[in-house]
N, C-alpha and C. Protein backbone atom coordinates (compact mmCIF):
# COMPACT_ATOMS: atom_id res chain seq x y z
N GLY A 1 9.48 -29.97 -10.51
CA GLY A 1 9.16 -28.84 -10.06
C GLY A 1 8.14 -28.69 -8.69
N GLY A 2 8.04 -27.74 -8.08
CA GLY A 2 7.27 -27.68 -6.78
C GLY A 2 6.75 -26.29 -6.54
N ALA A 3 5.57 -26.13 -5.85
CA ALA A 3 5.06 -24.86 -5.63
C ALA A 3 4.09 -25.21 -4.38
N ALA A 4 3.64 -23.84 -3.83
CA ALA A 4 2.80 -23.95 -2.78
C ALA A 4 1.40 -23.01 -3.49
N SER A 5 0.33 -23.53 -2.82
CA SER A 5 -0.96 -22.92 -3.19
C SER A 5 -0.85 -21.48 -2.47
N PRO A 6 -1.42 -20.49 -3.34
CA PRO A 6 -1.68 -18.98 -2.78
C PRO A 6 -2.28 -18.94 -1.43
N ASP A 7 -3.13 -19.95 -1.17
CA ASP A 7 -3.72 -19.94 0.27
C ASP A 7 -2.79 -20.58 1.36
N GLY A 8 -1.75 -21.21 0.83
CA GLY A 8 -0.61 -21.87 1.83
C GLY A 8 -1.16 -23.24 2.43
N ARG A 9 -2.42 -23.65 1.81
CA ARG A 9 -2.79 -24.91 2.37
C ARG A 9 -2.00 -26.27 1.85
N TRP A 10 -1.58 -26.22 0.66
CA TRP A 10 -1.07 -27.18 -0.14
C TRP A 10 0.35 -27.00 -0.85
N VAL A 11 1.01 -28.06 -0.89
CA VAL A 11 2.24 -28.00 -1.40
C VAL A 11 2.31 -29.15 -2.57
N VAL A 12 2.80 -28.74 -3.91
CA VAL A 12 2.72 -29.56 -4.98
C VAL A 12 4.03 -30.07 -5.36
N LEU A 13 4.28 -31.28 -5.87
CA LEU A 13 5.67 -31.57 -6.43
C LEU A 13 5.05 -32.49 -7.78
N ARG A 14 5.89 -32.10 -8.91
CA ARG A 14 5.29 -32.92 -10.16
C ARG A 14 6.78 -33.61 -10.54
N THR A 15 6.32 -34.87 -11.10
CA THR A 15 7.35 -35.47 -11.97
C THR A 15 6.77 -35.30 -13.42
N HIS A 16 7.33 -36.30 -14.21
CA HIS A 16 7.26 -36.25 -15.82
C HIS A 16 5.60 -36.83 -15.86
N THR A 17 5.10 -37.63 -14.85
CA THR A 17 3.76 -38.35 -14.96
C THR A 17 2.91 -37.80 -14.37
N TYR A 18 3.11 -37.17 -12.99
CA TYR A 18 1.94 -36.87 -12.36
C TYR A 18 2.30 -35.51 -11.16
N VAL A 19 1.37 -35.10 -10.65
CA VAL A 19 1.58 -34.02 -9.82
C VAL A 19 1.06 -34.53 -8.37
N SER A 20 1.74 -34.41 -7.29
CA SER A 20 1.44 -34.93 -6.04
C SER A 20 1.02 -33.69 -5.07
N PHE A 21 -0.05 -33.86 -4.60
CA PHE A 21 -0.71 -32.79 -3.52
C PHE A 21 -0.32 -33.14 -2.12
N PHE A 22 0.30 -32.36 -1.22
CA PHE A 22 0.45 -32.54 -0.02
C PHE A 22 0.12 -31.45 0.92
N ALA A 23 -0.62 -31.70 2.08
CA ALA A 23 -1.02 -30.72 3.17
C ALA A 23 0.32 -29.78 3.56
N ALA A 24 0.37 -28.62 3.39
CA ALA A 24 1.41 -27.74 3.55
C ALA A 24 2.00 -28.00 5.12
N ASP A 25 0.80 -27.90 5.93
CA ASP A 25 1.17 -28.10 7.49
C ASP A 25 1.95 -29.28 7.66
N GLU A 26 1.71 -30.39 7.26
CA GLU A 26 2.35 -31.63 7.51
C GLU A 26 3.76 -31.79 6.60
N PHE A 27 3.67 -31.20 5.29
CA PHE A 27 4.98 -31.14 4.54
C PHE A 27 5.94 -30.37 5.36
N VAL A 28 5.75 -29.04 5.75
CA VAL A 28 6.76 -28.50 6.33
C VAL A 28 7.42 -29.20 7.55
N THR A 29 6.51 -30.09 8.41
CA THR A 29 7.17 -30.77 9.43
C THR A 29 7.82 -32.16 9.24
N GLY A 30 8.00 -32.52 7.96
CA GLY A 30 8.58 -33.85 7.50
C GLY A 30 7.55 -34.89 7.69
N ASN A 31 6.47 -34.55 7.86
CA ASN A 31 5.34 -35.64 7.97
C ASN A 31 4.55 -35.92 6.98
N ALA A 32 4.85 -35.42 5.81
CA ALA A 32 3.91 -35.39 4.69
C ALA A 32 3.52 -36.60 4.15
N HIS A 33 2.54 -37.01 3.69
CA HIS A 33 1.65 -37.94 3.08
C HIS A 33 0.87 -37.32 1.71
N GLN A 34 1.02 -37.96 0.60
CA GLN A 34 0.32 -37.41 -0.62
C GLN A 34 -1.11 -37.50 -0.21
N VAL A 35 -1.87 -36.68 -0.19
CA VAL A 35 -3.21 -36.69 -0.32
C VAL A 35 -4.01 -36.89 -1.44
N PHE A 36 -3.47 -36.34 -2.78
CA PHE A 36 -4.07 -36.49 -3.98
C PHE A 36 -2.79 -36.63 -4.93
N ARG A 37 -3.05 -37.25 -6.04
CA ARG A 37 -2.40 -37.47 -7.34
C ARG A 37 -3.05 -37.12 -8.52
N PHE A 38 -2.55 -36.27 -9.28
CA PHE A 38 -3.16 -35.91 -10.67
C PHE A 38 -2.21 -36.48 -11.74
N ASP A 39 -2.68 -37.11 -12.52
CA ASP A 39 -2.10 -37.73 -13.79
C ASP A 39 -1.92 -36.72 -14.83
N VAL A 40 -0.60 -36.50 -15.47
CA VAL A 40 -0.38 -35.43 -16.29
C VAL A 40 0.15 -36.04 -17.65
N THR A 41 -0.01 -37.61 -17.67
CA THR A 41 0.65 -38.07 -18.91
C THR A 41 -0.08 -37.74 -20.20
N ALA A 42 -1.44 -37.39 -20.24
CA ALA A 42 -2.34 -36.95 -21.18
C ALA A 42 -1.58 -35.62 -21.98
N LEU A 43 -0.90 -34.97 -21.25
CA LEU A 43 -0.35 -33.83 -21.97
C LEU A 43 0.97 -34.11 -22.82
N ARG A 44 1.36 -35.36 -22.92
CA ARG A 44 2.60 -35.78 -23.69
C ARG A 44 3.55 -34.95 -24.04
N GLU A 45 4.08 -34.39 -22.81
CA GLU A 45 5.23 -33.34 -22.80
C GLU A 45 6.42 -34.09 -23.03
N PRO A 46 7.48 -33.46 -23.85
CA PRO A 46 8.69 -34.11 -23.86
C PRO A 46 9.36 -34.24 -22.57
N GLN A 47 9.46 -33.26 -21.76
CA GLN A 47 9.83 -33.29 -20.54
C GLN A 47 9.37 -32.17 -19.56
N GLY A 48 8.30 -32.78 -18.99
CA GLY A 48 7.44 -31.89 -17.98
C GLY A 48 8.36 -31.39 -16.97
N GLU A 49 8.47 -30.30 -16.50
CA GLU A 49 9.23 -29.66 -15.41
C GLU A 49 8.43 -28.74 -14.52
N GLY A 50 7.96 -27.82 -14.72
CA GLY A 50 7.37 -26.80 -13.75
C GLY A 50 5.89 -26.81 -13.55
N VAL A 51 5.63 -26.38 -12.11
CA VAL A 51 4.21 -26.42 -11.65
C VAL A 51 3.87 -25.29 -10.83
N ALA A 52 2.74 -24.79 -10.93
CA ALA A 52 2.29 -23.44 -10.16
C ALA A 52 0.86 -23.64 -9.68
N ILE A 53 0.34 -23.08 -9.03
CA ILE A 53 -0.96 -23.17 -8.57
C ILE A 53 -1.57 -21.57 -8.67
N ALA A 54 -2.49 -21.43 -9.47
CA ALA A 54 -2.88 -19.98 -9.59
C ALA A 54 -4.03 -19.47 -8.62
N ASN A 55 -4.17 -18.21 -8.46
CA ASN A 55 -5.24 -17.62 -7.40
C ASN A 55 -6.50 -18.57 -7.50
N ASN A 56 -7.13 -19.05 -8.47
CA ASN A 56 -8.38 -19.48 -8.62
C ASN A 56 -8.36 -21.07 -8.62
N GLY A 57 -7.24 -21.61 -8.33
CA GLY A 57 -7.15 -23.05 -8.00
C GLY A 57 -6.54 -23.80 -9.36
N SER A 58 -6.50 -23.12 -10.25
CA SER A 58 -6.19 -23.85 -11.74
C SER A 58 -4.41 -24.06 -11.48
N MET A 59 -4.00 -25.33 -11.87
CA MET A 59 -2.81 -25.72 -12.00
C MET A 59 -2.12 -25.56 -13.37
N LEU A 60 -1.02 -24.84 -13.37
CA LEU A 60 -0.26 -24.44 -14.23
C LEU A 60 0.90 -25.13 -14.56
N LEU A 61 1.13 -25.81 -15.75
CA LEU A 61 2.03 -26.77 -15.93
C LEU A 61 2.97 -26.51 -17.36
N VAL A 62 4.35 -26.36 -16.97
CA VAL A 62 5.13 -26.27 -18.15
C VAL A 62 6.16 -27.23 -18.45
N GLY A 63 6.77 -27.34 -19.73
CA GLY A 63 7.51 -28.33 -19.95
C GLY A 63 8.41 -27.94 -20.99
N GLU A 64 9.78 -28.54 -21.05
CA GLU A 64 10.70 -28.09 -21.99
C GLU A 64 10.43 -28.65 -23.32
N GLY A 65 10.98 -27.96 -24.43
CA GLY A 65 10.85 -28.58 -25.80
C GLY A 65 11.97 -29.51 -25.85
N GLY A 66 11.41 -30.44 -27.05
CA GLY A 66 12.21 -31.52 -27.15
C GLY A 66 13.65 -30.91 -28.21
N ALA A 67 13.26 -30.03 -29.03
CA ALA A 67 14.50 -29.53 -29.68
C ALA A 67 14.07 -28.25 -30.53
N LYS A 68 14.73 -27.64 -31.57
CA LYS A 68 14.53 -26.43 -32.15
C LYS A 68 12.97 -26.46 -32.48
N HIS A 69 12.61 -27.64 -33.03
CA HIS A 69 11.33 -27.57 -33.94
C HIS A 69 10.29 -28.08 -32.95
N HIS A 70 10.48 -28.29 -31.88
CA HIS A 70 9.46 -28.87 -30.68
C HIS A 70 9.40 -27.70 -29.44
N PRO A 71 8.76 -26.83 -29.54
CA PRO A 71 8.68 -25.82 -28.57
C PRO A 71 8.07 -26.41 -27.21
N GLY A 72 8.59 -25.80 -26.20
CA GLY A 72 8.10 -26.09 -24.70
C GLY A 72 6.58 -26.21 -24.60
N THR A 73 6.01 -26.72 -23.74
CA THR A 73 4.54 -26.73 -23.44
C THR A 73 4.06 -25.92 -22.36
N PHE A 74 2.74 -25.58 -22.58
CA PHE A 74 2.18 -24.83 -21.30
C PHE A 74 0.72 -25.22 -21.14
N ALA A 75 0.31 -25.55 -19.98
CA ALA A 75 -1.04 -26.14 -20.06
C ALA A 75 -1.67 -26.03 -18.73
N ARG A 76 -2.93 -25.69 -18.83
CA ARG A 76 -3.76 -25.47 -17.38
C ARG A 76 -4.46 -26.47 -17.15
N ALA A 77 -4.71 -27.03 -15.95
CA ALA A 77 -5.71 -27.96 -15.59
C ALA A 77 -6.40 -27.43 -14.34
N THR A 78 -7.54 -28.03 -14.19
CA THR A 78 -8.29 -27.80 -12.88
C THR A 78 -8.92 -29.16 -12.36
N CYS A 79 -8.49 -28.99 -11.02
CA CYS A 79 -8.82 -30.52 -10.44
C CYS A 79 -9.69 -29.92 -9.06
N THR A 80 -10.41 -30.69 -8.61
CA THR A 80 -11.17 -30.59 -7.29
C THR A 80 -10.38 -31.09 -6.24
N MET A 81 -9.88 -30.24 -5.33
CA MET A 81 -9.06 -30.60 -4.35
C MET A 81 -10.01 -31.31 -3.06
N PRO A 82 -9.37 -32.36 -2.22
CA PRO A 82 -10.06 -32.78 -1.18
C PRO A 82 -9.99 -32.06 -0.12
N PRO A 83 -10.98 -32.05 0.72
CA PRO A 83 -11.01 -31.00 1.94
C PRO A 83 -9.93 -31.12 2.90
N HIS A 84 -9.32 -30.36 3.68
CA HIS A 84 -8.23 -30.40 4.44
C HIS A 84 -8.28 -29.48 5.48
N SER A 85 -8.38 -29.84 6.75
CA SER A 85 -8.79 -28.90 7.94
C SER A 85 -7.41 -28.28 8.29
C-alpha cells in the first residue's frame, strides 16, 4: 500500500514488514531516497496491506485476514518524523 501525508510533505509505501517514508517533493521527481523506515513486524499481521497518514500524524495500518476465523487487522502507530525542508 501507499499514501501521502495530509500536508503533502511525505509519501509512504508499506511492505509486509515495514513502512518507508519519502520526501514527497523528491518522490514525484523520481529522485526518492528513503528518509525513515518504521518496522511493523510486531503487529504480526497475516498479510499487511494498507497504510494511511491521519491529520494528527498517526499512521493507520490495515491487513487482510488469514481465513474466515482470522479477521483482518487494524492498527494505529505514532512515529516522530524527521525534519524535512
